[in-house]
């Protein structure tokens, strides 16, 4: 069974992923905002991997 931390991480991952998709409609993929949000997603995915291994 997934922990509360895992559920929270998954929720945050989906939120940031959604934000990136919306941002990609109006921003260049190499814009600082896109890069920052993408790095945030990377960090969340790494944290998720850490908690599920």
N, C-alpha and C. Protein backbone atom coordinates (compact mmCIF):
# COMPACT_ATOMS: atom_id res chain seq x y z
N UNK A 1 0.85 -1.19 0.00
CA UNK A 1 0.00 0.00 0.00
C UNK A 1 0.89 1.25 0.00
N UNK A 2 0.50 2.21 -0.79
CA UNK A 2 1.30 3.44 -0.92
C UNK A 2 1.11 4.32 0.31
N UNK A 3 2.19 4.95 0.71
CA UNK A 3 2.15 5.83 1.87
C UNK A 3 1.56 7.18 1.49
N UNK A 4 1.27 7.97 2.51
CA UNK A 4 0.77 9.32 2.28
C UNK A 4 1.78 10.15 1.49
N UNK A 5 3.05 9.95 1.80
CA UNK A 5 4.11 10.66 1.09
C UNK A 5 4.08 10.31 -0.40
N UNK A 6 3.91 9.04 -0.71
CA UNK A 6 3.86 8.61 -2.10
C UNK A 6 2.66 9.22 -2.81
N UNK A 7 1.51 9.21 -2.15
CA UNK A 7 0.31 9.81 -2.74
C UNK A 7 0.50 11.30 -2.98
N UNK A 8 1.11 11.97 -2.02
CA UNK A 8 1.37 13.41 -2.16
C UNK A 8 2.33 13.67 -3.32
N UNK A 9 3.37 12.87 -3.41
CA UNK A 9 4.33 13.03 -4.51
C UNK A 9 3.65 12.81 -5.87
N UNK A 10 2.84 11.77 -5.97
CA UNK A 10 2.15 11.51 -7.22
C UNK A 10 1.23 12.65 -7.60
N UNK A 11 0.56 13.19 -6.62
CA UNK A 11 -0.32 14.33 -6.85
C UNK A 11 0.47 15.53 -7.34
N UNK A 12 1.59 15.80 -6.71
CA UNK A 12 2.44 16.92 -7.11
C UNK A 12 3.04 16.70 -8.50
N UNK A 13 3.43 15.47 -8.79
CA UNK A 13 3.97 15.15 -10.11
C UNK A 13 2.93 15.43 -11.18
N UNK A 14 1.71 14.99 -10.96
CA UNK A 14 0.66 15.21 -11.95
C UNK A 14 0.34 16.70 -12.11
N UNK A 15 0.38 17.44 -11.02
CA UNK A 15 0.11 18.89 -11.08
C UNK A 15 1.18 19.59 -11.90
N UNK A 16 2.44 19.28 -11.63
CA UNK A 16 3.54 19.93 -12.34
C UNK A 16 3.55 19.50 -13.81
N UNK A 17 3.26 18.24 -14.06
CA UNK A 17 3.20 17.75 -15.45
C UNK A 17 2.10 18.50 -16.22
N UNK A 18 0.95 18.66 -15.58
CA UNK A 18 -0.14 19.41 -16.20
C UNK A 18 0.29 20.86 -16.46
N UNK A 19 0.90 21.48 -15.47
CA UNK A 19 1.37 22.86 -15.62
C UNK A 19 2.33 22.99 -16.81
N UNK A 20 3.23 22.04 -16.95
CA UNK A 20 4.18 22.06 -18.07
C UNK A 20 3.45 21.96 -19.41
N UNK A 21 2.47 21.10 -19.49
CA UNK A 21 1.71 20.97 -20.72
C UNK A 21 0.99 22.26 -21.08
N UNK A 22 0.41 22.91 -20.10
CA UNK A 22 -0.28 24.18 -20.34
C UNK A 22 0.73 25.26 -20.73
N UNK A 23 1.83 25.32 -20.01
CA UNK A 23 2.85 26.32 -20.32
C UNK A 23 3.42 26.14 -21.72
N UNK A 24 3.55 24.90 -22.16
CA UNK A 24 4.13 24.62 -23.47
C UNK A 24 3.28 25.17 -24.61
N UNK A 25 2.02 25.45 -24.34
CA UNK A 25 1.14 26.01 -25.37
C UNK A 25 1.47 27.46 -25.68
N UNK A 26 2.11 28.14 -24.72
CA UNK A 26 2.36 29.57 -24.92
C UNK A 26 3.82 29.99 -24.76
N UNK A 27 4.67 29.11 -24.27
CA UNK A 27 6.06 29.46 -24.05
C UNK A 27 6.98 28.61 -24.90
N UNK A 28 8.12 29.14 -25.21
CA UNK A 28 9.17 28.38 -25.87
C UNK A 28 9.68 27.32 -24.89
N UNK A 29 9.96 26.13 -25.38
CA UNK A 29 10.39 25.06 -24.49
C UNK A 29 11.70 25.35 -23.78
N UNK A 30 12.49 26.26 -24.32
CA UNK A 30 13.76 26.60 -23.68
C UNK A 30 13.67 27.87 -22.82
N UNK A 31 12.45 28.33 -22.58
CA UNK A 31 12.28 29.53 -21.74
C UNK A 31 12.68 29.20 -20.30
N UNK A 32 13.16 30.19 -19.57
CA UNK A 32 13.55 29.96 -18.17
C UNK A 32 12.42 29.38 -17.32
N UNK A 33 11.19 29.82 -17.54
CA UNK A 33 10.06 29.29 -16.77
C UNK A 33 9.83 27.81 -17.05
N UNK A 34 9.93 27.43 -18.33
CA UNK A 34 9.76 26.02 -18.69
C UNK A 34 10.88 25.17 -18.10
N UNK A 35 12.09 25.67 -18.18
CA UNK A 35 13.23 24.92 -17.64
C UNK A 35 13.10 24.74 -16.13
N UNK A 36 12.73 25.80 -15.46
CA UNK A 36 12.57 25.73 -14.00
C UNK A 36 11.49 24.72 -13.61
N UNK A 37 10.36 24.77 -14.32
CA UNK A 37 9.26 23.86 -13.99
C UNK A 37 9.65 22.42 -14.33
N UNK A 38 10.39 22.24 -15.41
CA UNK A 38 10.85 20.91 -15.79
C UNK A 38 11.82 20.35 -14.74
N UNK A 39 12.68 21.20 -14.21
CA UNK A 39 13.60 20.78 -13.15
C UNK A 39 12.83 20.41 -11.89
N UNK A 40 11.77 21.13 -11.62
CA UNK A 40 10.92 20.80 -10.47
C UNK A 40 10.31 19.41 -10.66
N UNK A 41 9.85 19.12 -11.87
CA UNK A 41 9.31 17.80 -12.15
C UNK A 41 10.39 16.73 -11.98
N UNK A 42 11.58 16.99 -12.47
CA UNK A 42 12.69 16.03 -12.31
C UNK A 42 12.94 15.73 -10.84
N UNK A 43 12.95 16.76 -10.02
CA UNK A 43 13.18 16.56 -8.59
C UNK A 43 12.08 15.73 -7.95
N UNK A 44 10.84 15.99 -8.32
CA UNK A 44 9.73 15.21 -7.78
C UNK A 44 9.81 13.75 -8.22
N UNK A 45 10.16 13.53 -9.48
CA UNK A 45 10.30 12.16 -9.97
C UNK A 45 11.43 11.42 -9.27
N UNK A 46 12.52 12.10 -9.03
CA UNK A 46 13.63 11.49 -8.29
C UNK A 46 13.23 11.16 -6.86
N UNK A 47 12.51 12.06 -6.24
CA UNK A 47 12.05 11.81 -4.87
C UNK A 47 11.08 10.64 -4.84
N UNK A 48 10.19 10.59 -5.81
CA UNK A 48 9.25 9.47 -5.90
C UNK A 48 10.00 8.14 -6.05
N UNK A 49 11.00 8.13 -6.93
CA UNK A 49 11.79 6.92 -7.14
C UNK A 49 12.48 6.51 -5.83
N UNK A 50 13.01 7.48 -5.11
CA UNK A 50 13.67 7.20 -3.83
C UNK A 50 12.70 6.54 -2.84
N UNK A 51 11.47 7.05 -2.78
CA UNK A 51 10.48 6.55 -1.82
C UNK A 51 9.88 5.22 -2.22
N UNK A 52 9.97 4.86 -3.49
CA UNK A 52 9.34 3.61 -3.92
C UNK A 52 10.34 2.48 -4.12
N UNK A 53 11.61 2.74 -3.93
CA UNK A 53 12.62 1.67 -4.05
C UNK A 53 12.99 1.12 -2.71
